[in-house]
Amino acid sequence: MCDAYIDGEELIAKWKRENAHRHTIMPIIEAAHIGPISLQSVCRVLQIGADNPKFVEVSMPPGLRPETR
């Protein structure tokens, strides 16, 4: 999984090089992961939205929670 991470500068260069303008990206983010991520790699899930501007931890189903693996 680590090999699929790229930094923000490289992500923008890839976006421009591949002319992928139909996909929106955040300008200069810290990092990105290109490709699938196994649920076993997830420690917790955070959600944020326009109607809820603060991060809220989303409950993970039993069996996916780190303490039950």
PDB file of N, CA and C in Angstrom:
ATOM      1  N   MET A   1       0.821  -1.186   0.000  1.00  0.00           N
ATOM      2  CA  MET A   1       0.000   0.000   0.000  1.00  0.00           C
ATOM      3  C   MET A   1       0.869   1.255   0.000  1.00  0.00           C
ATOM      4  N   CYS A   2       1.981   1.245   0.697  1.00  0.00           N
ATOM      5  CA  CYS A   2       2.830   2.436   0.798  1.00  0.00           C
ATOM      6  C   CYS A   2       3.329   2.918  -0.559  1.00  0.00           C
ATOM      7  N   ASP A   3       3.545   2.000  -1.489  1.00  0.00           N
ATOM      8  CA  ASP A   3       4.043   2.388  -2.808  1.00  0.00           C
ATOM      9  C   ASP A   3       3.032   3.206  -3.595  1.00  0.00           C
ATOM     10  N   ALA A   4       1.763   3.197  -3.191  1.00  0.00           N
ATOM     11  CA  ALA A   4       0.723   3.913  -3.927  1.00  0.00           C
ATOM     12  C   ALA A   4       0.536   5.345  -3.427  1.00  0.00           C
ATOM     13  N   TYR A   5       1.246   5.744  -2.373  1.00  0.00           N
ATOM     14  CA  TYR A   5       1.129   7.113  -1.870  1.00  0.00           C
ATOM     15  C   TYR A   5       2.011   8.050  -2.680  1.00  0.00           C
ATOM     16  N   ILE A   6       1.473   9.223  -3.006  1.00  0.00           N
ATOM     17  CA  ILE A   6       2.252  10.257  -3.687  1.00  0.00           C
ATOM     18  C   ILE A   6       1.995  11.578  -2.983  1.00  0.00           C
ATOM     19  N   ASP A   7       2.960  12.486  -3.035  1.00  0.00           N
ATOM     20  CA  ASP A   7       2.775  13.775  -2.374  1.00  0.00           C
ATOM     21  C   ASP A   7       1.927  14.705  -3.248  1.00  0.00           C
ATOM     22  N   GLY A   8       1.528  15.841  -2.673  1.00  0.00           N
ATOM     23  CA  GLY A   8       0.645  16.782  -3.355  1.00  0.00           C
ATOM     24  C   GLY A   8       1.195  17.324  -4.657  1.00  0.00           C
ATOM     25  N   GLU A   9       2.485  17.656  -4.683  1.00  0.00           N
ATOM     26  CA  GLU A   9       3.115  18.174  -5.909  1.00  0.00           C
ATOM     27  C   GLU A   9       3.049  17.136  -7.027  1.00  0.00           C
ATOM     28  N   GLU A  10       3.373  15.893  -6.681  1.00  0.00           N
ATOM     29  CA  GLU A  10       3.358  14.821  -7.677  1.00  0.00           C
ATOM     30  C   GLU A  10       1.931  14.529  -8.149  1.00  0.00           C
ATOM     31  N   LEU A  11       0.959  14.635  -7.236  1.00  0.00           N
ATOM     32  CA  LEU A  11      -0.439  14.408  -7.600  1.00  0.00           C
ATOM     33  C   LEU A  11      -0.911  15.430  -8.635  1.00  0.00           C
ATOM     34  N   ILE A  12      -0.584  16.697  -8.432  1.00  0.00           N
ATOM     35  CA  ILE A  12      -0.977  17.734  -9.398  1.00  0.00           C
ATOM     36  C   ILE A  12      -0.280  17.515 -10.733  1.00  0.00           C
ATOM     37  N   ALA A  13       0.998  17.157 -10.711  1.00  0.00           N
ATOM     38  CA  ALA A  13       1.725  16.886 -11.959  1.00  0.00           C
ATOM     39  C   ALA A  13       1.072  15.725 -12.710  1.00  0.00           C
ATOM     40  N   LYS A  14       0.692  14.665 -11.996  1.00  0.00           N
ATOM     41  CA  LYS A  14       0.023  13.506 -12.607  1.00  0.00           C
ATOM     42  C   LYS A  14      -1.322  13.924 -13.179  1.00  0.00           C
ATOM     43  N   TRP A  15      -2.080  14.731 -12.447  1.00  0.00           N
ATOM     44  CA  TRP A  15      -3.395  15.223 -12.865  1.00  0.00           C
ATOM     45  C   TRP A  15      -3.270  16.001 -14.172  1.00  0.00           C
ATOM     46  N   LYS A  16      -2.261  16.877 -14.248  1.00  0.00           N
ATOM     47  CA  LYS A  16      -2.041  17.671 -15.470  1.00  0.00           C
ATOM     48  C   LYS A  16      -1.524  16.800 -16.608  1.00  0.00           C
ATOM     49  N   ARG A  17      -0.568  15.924 -16.308  1.00  0.00           N
ATOM     50  CA  ARG A  17       0.035  15.063 -17.323  1.00  0.00           C
ATOM     51  C   ARG A  17      -1.004  14.151 -17.972  1.00  0.00           C
ATOM     52  N   GLU A  18      -1.922  13.630 -17.170  1.00  0.00           N
ATOM     53  CA  GLU A  18      -2.944  12.714 -17.671  1.00  0.00           C
ATOM     54  C   GLU A  18      -4.200  13.443 -18.140  1.00  0.00           C
ATOM     55  N   ASN A  19      -4.169  14.786 -18.076  1.00  0.00           N
ATOM     56  CA  ASN A  19      -5.312  15.608 -18.495  1.00  0.00           C
ATOM     57  C   ASN A  19      -6.602  15.105 -17.828  1.00  0.00           C
ATOM     58  N   ALA A  20      -6.503  14.837 -16.545  1.00  0.00           N
ATOM     59  CA  ALA A  20      -7.615  14.261 -15.787  1.00  0.00           C
ATOM     60  C   ALA A  20      -8.479  15.342 -15.150  1.00  0.00           C
ATOM     61  N   HIS A  21      -8.765  16.390 -15.878  1.00  0.00           N
ATOM     62  CA  HIS A  21      -9.462  17.546 -15.325  1.00  0.00           C
ATOM     63  C   HIS A  21     -10.922  17.282 -14.980  1.00  0.00           C
ATOM     64  N   ARG A  22     -11.478  16.171 -15.454  1.00  0.00           N
ATOM     65  CA  ARG A  22     -12.865  15.880 -15.065  1.00  0.00           C
ATOM     66  C   ARG A  22     -12.929  15.396 -13.617  1.00  0.00           C
ATOM     67  N   HIS A  23     -11.775  14.966 -13.091  1.00  0.00           N
ATOM     68  CA  HIS A  23     -11.681  14.582 -11.680  1.00  0.00           C
ATOM     69  C   HIS A  23     -11.189  15.798 -10.904  1.00  0.00           C
ATOM     70  N   THR A  24     -11.963  16.237  -9.935  1.00  0.00           N
ATOM     71  CA  THR A  24     -11.523  17.384  -9.146  1.00  0.00           C
ATOM     72  C   THR A  24     -10.536  16.920  -8.080  1.00  0.00           C
ATOM     73  N   ILE A  25      -9.576  17.768  -7.785  1.00  0.00           N
ATOM     74  CA  ILE A  25      -8.618  17.485  -6.720  1.00  0.00           C
ATOM     75  C   ILE A  25      -8.456  18.732  -5.878  1.00  0.00           C
ATOM     76  N   MET A  26      -8.004  18.552  -4.651  1.00  0.00           N
ATOM     77  CA  MET A  26      -7.707  19.695  -3.801  1.00  0.00           C
ATOM     78  C   MET A  26      -6.323  20.189  -4.180  1.00  0.00           C
ATOM     79  N   PRO A  27      -6.167  21.492  -4.349  1.00  0.00           N
ATOM     80  CA  PRO A  27      -4.846  22.003  -4.724  1.00  0.00           C
ATOM     81  C   PRO A  27      -3.835  21.791  -3.603  1.00  0.00           C
ATOM     82  N   ILE A  28      -2.750  21.160  -3.912  1.00  0.00           N
ATOM     83  CA  ILE A  28      -1.648  20.848  -2.985  1.00  0.00           C
ATOM     84  C   ILE A  28      -2.156  20.312  -1.642  1.00  0.00           C
ATOM     85  N   ILE A  29      -2.495  19.042  -1.659  1.00  0.00           N
ATOM     86  CA  ILE A  29      -2.798  18.359  -0.408  1.00  0.00           C
ATOM     87  C   ILE A  29      -1.529  17.660   0.047  1.00  0.00           C
ATOM     88  N   GLU A  30      -1.493  17.185   1.269  1.00  0.00           N
ATOM     89  CA  GLU A  30      -0.257  16.596   1.781  1.00  0.00           C
ATOM     90  C   GLU A  30       0.120  15.305   1.072  1.00  0.00           C
ATOM     91  N   ALA A  31      -0.854  14.451   0.820  1.00  0.00           N
ATOM     92  CA  ALA A  31      -0.563  13.164   0.183  1.00  0.00           C
ATOM     93  C   ALA A  31      -1.847  12.579  -0.374  1.00  0.00           C
ATOM     94  N   ALA A  32      -1.703  11.589  -1.212  1.00  0.00           N
ATOM     95  CA  ALA A  32      -2.862  10.892  -1.769  1.00  0.00           C
ATOM     96  C   ALA A  32      -2.512   9.422  -1.926  1.00  0.00           C
ATOM     97  N   HIS A  33      -3.519   8.596  -1.956  1.00  0.00           N
ATOM     98  CA  HIS A  33      -3.325   7.171  -2.233  1.00  0.00           C
ATOM     99  C   HIS A  33      -4.056   6.867  -3.525  1.00  0.00           C
ATOM    100  N   ILE A  34      -3.353   6.308  -4.485  1.00  0.00           N
ATOM    101  CA  ILE A  34      -3.939   5.953  -5.761  1.00  0.00           C
ATOM    102  C   ILE A  34      -4.170   4.449  -5.757  1.00  0.00           C
ATOM    103  N   GLY A  35      -5.412   4.039  -5.751  1.00  0.00           N
ATOM    104  CA  GLY A  35      -5.729   2.614  -5.778  1.00  0.00           C
ATOM    105  C   GLY A  35      -6.571   2.195  -4.593  1.00  0.00           C
ATOM    106  N   PRO A  36      -6.920   0.917  -4.542  1.00  0.00           N
ATOM    107  CA  PRO A  36      -7.764   0.412  -3.456  1.00  0.00           C
ATOM    108  C   PRO A  36      -7.005   0.353  -2.126  1.00  0.00           C
ATOM    109  N   ILE A  37      -7.739   0.485  -1.042  1.00  0.00           N
ATOM    110  CA  ILE A  37      -7.176   0.357   0.302  1.00  0.00           C
ATOM    111  C   ILE A  37      -7.943  -0.757   1.009  1.00  0.00           C
ATOM    112  N   SER A  38      -7.235  -1.720   1.533  1.00  0.00           N
ATOM    113  CA  SER A  38      -7.851  -2.825   2.266  1.00  0.00           C
ATOM    114  C   SER A  38      -8.513  -2.293   3.531  1.00  0.00           C
ATOM    115  N   LEU A  39      -9.705  -2.770   3.841  1.00  0.00           N
ATOM    116  CA  LEU A  39     -10.379  -2.347   5.070  1.00  0.00           C
ATOM    117  C   LEU A  39      -9.584  -2.740   6.304  1.00  0.00           C
ATOM    118  N   GLN A  40      -8.734  -3.750   6.198  1.00  0.00           N
ATOM    119  CA  GLN A  40      -7.886  -4.152   7.322  1.00  0.00           C
ATOM    120  C   GLN A  40      -6.875  -3.058   7.660  1.00  0.00           C
ATOM    121  N   SER A  41      -6.636  -2.126   6.736  1.00  0.00           N
ATOM    122  CA  SER A  41      -5.689  -1.033   6.955  1.00  0.00           C
ATOM    123  C   SER A  41      -6.328   0.158   7.661  1.00  0.00           C
ATOM    124  N   VAL A  42      -7.646   0.152   7.796  1.00  0.00           N
ATOM    125  CA  VAL A  42      -8.375   1.286   8.364  1.00  0.00           C
ATOM    126  C   VAL A  42      -8.427   1.162   9.882  1.00  0.00           C
ATOM    127  N   CYS A  43      -7.993   2.205  10.579  1.00  0.00           N
ATOM    128  CA  CYS A  43      -8.047   2.226  12.045  1.00  0.00           C
ATOM    129  C   CYS A  43      -9.313   2.908  12.544  1.00  0.00           C
ATOM    130  N   ARG A  44      -9.724   3.968  11.843  1.00  0.00           N
ATOM    131  CA  ARG A  44     -10.957   4.668  12.190  1.00  0.00           C
ATOM    132  C   ARG A  44     -11.435   5.458  10.988  1.00  0.00           C
ATOM    133  N   VAL A  45     -12.702   5.853  11.027  1.00  0.00           N
ATOM    134  CA  VAL A  45     -13.312   6.590   9.925  1.00  0.00           C
ATOM    135  C   VAL A  45     -13.810   7.919  10.468  1.00  0.00           C
ATOM    136  N   LEU A  46     -13.429   9.005   9.811  1.00  0.00           N
ATOM    137  CA  LEU A  46     -13.873  10.340  10.193  1.00  0.00           C
ATOM    138  C   LEU A  46     -14.725  10.917   9.078  1.00  0.00           C
ATOM    139  N   GLN A  47     -15.757  11.672   9.452  1.00  0.00           N
ATOM    140  CA  GLN A  47     -16.643  12.279   8.470  1.00  0.00           C
ATOM    141  C   GLN A  47     -16.748  13.766   8.763  1.00  0.00           C
ATOM    142  N   ILE A  48     -16.804  14.551   7.697  1.00  0.00           N
ATOM    143  CA  ILE A  48     -16.981  15.994   7.799  1.00  0.00           C
ATOM    144  C   ILE A  48     -17.838  16.423   6.618  1.00  0.00           C
ATOM    145  N   GLY A  49     -18.637  17.452   6.782  1.00  0.00           N
ATOM    146  CA  GLY A  49     -19.476  17.906   5.681  1.00  0.00           C
ATOM    147  C   GLY A  49     -19.870  19.361   5.855  1.00  0.00           C
ATOM    148  N   ALA A  50     -20.501  19.914   4.834  1.00  0.00           N
ATOM    149  CA  ALA A  50     -20.913  21.321   4.866  1.00  0.00           C
ATOM    150  C   ALA A  50     -21.903  21.567   6.002  1.00  0.00           C
ATOM    151  N   ASP A  51     -22.791  20.604   6.256  1.00  0.00           N
ATOM    152  CA  ASP A  51     -23.774  20.757   7.325  1.00  0.00           C
ATOM    153  C   ASP A  51     -23.221  20.361   8.690  1.00  0.00           C
ATOM    154  N   ASN A  52     -22.045  19.761   8.717  1.00  0.00           N
ATOM    155  CA  ASN A  52     -21.385  19.362   9.958  1.00  0.00           C
ATOM    156  C   ASN A  52     -19.895  19.663   9.813  1.00  0.00           C
ATOM    157  N   PRO A  53     -19.465  20.898  10.109  1.00  0.00           N
ATOM    158  CA  PRO A  53     -18.094  21.320   9.824  1.00  0.00           C
ATOM    159  C   PRO A  53     -17.015  20.753  10.748  1.00  0.00           C
ATOM    160  N   LYS A  54     -17.381  19.934  11.720  1.00  0.00           N
ATOM    161  CA  LYS A  54     -16.382  19.328  12.602  1.00  0.00           C
ATOM    162  C   LYS A  54     -16.276  17.840  12.298  1.00  0.00           C
ATOM    163  N   PHE A  55     -15.064  17.298  12.452  1.00  0.00           N
ATOM    164  CA  PHE A  55     -14.868  15.869  12.240  1.00  0.00           C
ATOM    165  C   PHE A  55     -15.665  15.072  13.267  1.00  0.00           C
ATOM    166  N   VAL A  56     -16.339  14.037  12.797  1.00  0.00           N
ATOM    167  CA  VAL A  56     -17.091  13.125  13.657  1.00  0.00           C
ATOM    168  C   VAL A  56     -16.605  11.713  13.348  1.00  0.00           C
ATOM    169  N   GLU A  57     -16.300  10.949  14.394  1.00  0.00           N
ATOM    170  CA  GLU A  57     -15.868   9.572  14.171  1.00  0.00           C
ATOM    171  C   GLU A  57     -17.085   8.707  13.868  1.00  0.00           C
ATOM    172  N   VAL A  58     -17.004   7.948  12.785  1.00  0.00           N
ATOM    173  CA  VAL A  58     -18.081   7.060  12.351  1.00  0.00           C
ATOM    174  C   VAL A  58     -17.817   5.678  12.927  1.00  0.00           C
ATOM    175  N   SER A  59     -18.844   5.073  13.499  1.00  0.00           N
ATOM    176  CA  SER A  59     -18.699   3.742  14.085  1.00  0.00           C
ATOM    177  C   SER A  59     -18.437   2.709  12.994  1.00  0.00           C
ATOM    178  N   MET A  60     -17.434   1.874  13.223  1.00  0.00           N
ATOM    179  CA  MET A  60     -17.116   0.794  12.286  1.00  0.00           C
ATOM    180  C   MET A  60     -17.840  -0.470  12.735  1.00  0.00           C
ATOM    181  N   PRO A  61     -18.289  -1.296  11.786  1.00  0.00           N
ATOM    182  CA  PRO A  61     -18.968  -2.540  12.154  1.00  0.00           C
ATOM    183  C   PRO A  61     -18.047  -3.460  12.955  1.00  0.00           C
ATOM    184  N   PRO A  62     -18.617  -4.272  13.870  1.00  0.00           N
ATOM    185  CA  PRO A  62     -17.796  -5.247  14.594  1.00  0.00           C
ATOM    186  C   PRO A  62     -17.052  -6.134  13.601  1.00  0.00           C
ATOM    187  N   GLY A  63     -15.859  -6.510  13.941  1.00  0.00           N
ATOM    188  CA  GLY A  63     -15.043  -7.321  13.037  1.00  0.00           C
ATOM    189  C   GLY A  63     -14.106  -6.471  12.205  1.00  0.00           C
ATOM    190  N   LEU A  64     -14.463  -5.197  12.000  1.00  0.00           N
ATOM    191  CA  LEU A  64     -13.576  -4.276  11.291  1.00  0.00           C
ATOM    192  C   LEU A  64     -12.876  -3.342  12.263  1.00  0.00           C
ATOM    193  N   ARG A  65     -13.402  -3.239  13.488  1.00  0.00           N
ATOM    194  CA  ARG A  65     -12.771  -2.378  14.485  1.00  0.00           C
ATOM    195  C   ARG A  65     -11.409  -2.950  14.857  1.00  0.00           C
ATOM    196  N   PRO A  66     -10.397  -2.087  14.982  1.00  0.00           N
ATOM    197  CA  PRO A  66      -9.040  -2.575  15.300  1.00  0.00           C
ATOM    198  C   PRO A  66      -8.982  -3.448  16.550  1.00  0.00           C
ATOM    199  N   GLU A  67      -9.775  -3.117  17.583  1.00  0.00           N
ATOM    200  CA  GLU A  67      -9.698  -3.878  18.835  1.00  0.00           C
ATOM    201  C   GLU A  67     -10.331  -5.269  18.721  1.00  0.00           C
ATOM    202  N   THR A  68     -11.110  -5.529  17.643  1.00  0.00           N
ATOM    203  CA  THR A  68     -11.741  -6.846  17.490  1.00  0.00           C
ATOM    204  C   THR A  68     -11.056  -7.700  16.434  1.00  0.00           C
ATOM    205  N   ARG A  69      -9.995  -7.185  15.820  1.00  0.00           N
ATOM    206  CA  ARG A  69      -9.294  -7.961  14.787  1.00  0.00           C
ATOM    207  C   ARG A  69      -8.325  -8.914  15.417  1.00  0.00           C
TER     208      ARG A  69
END
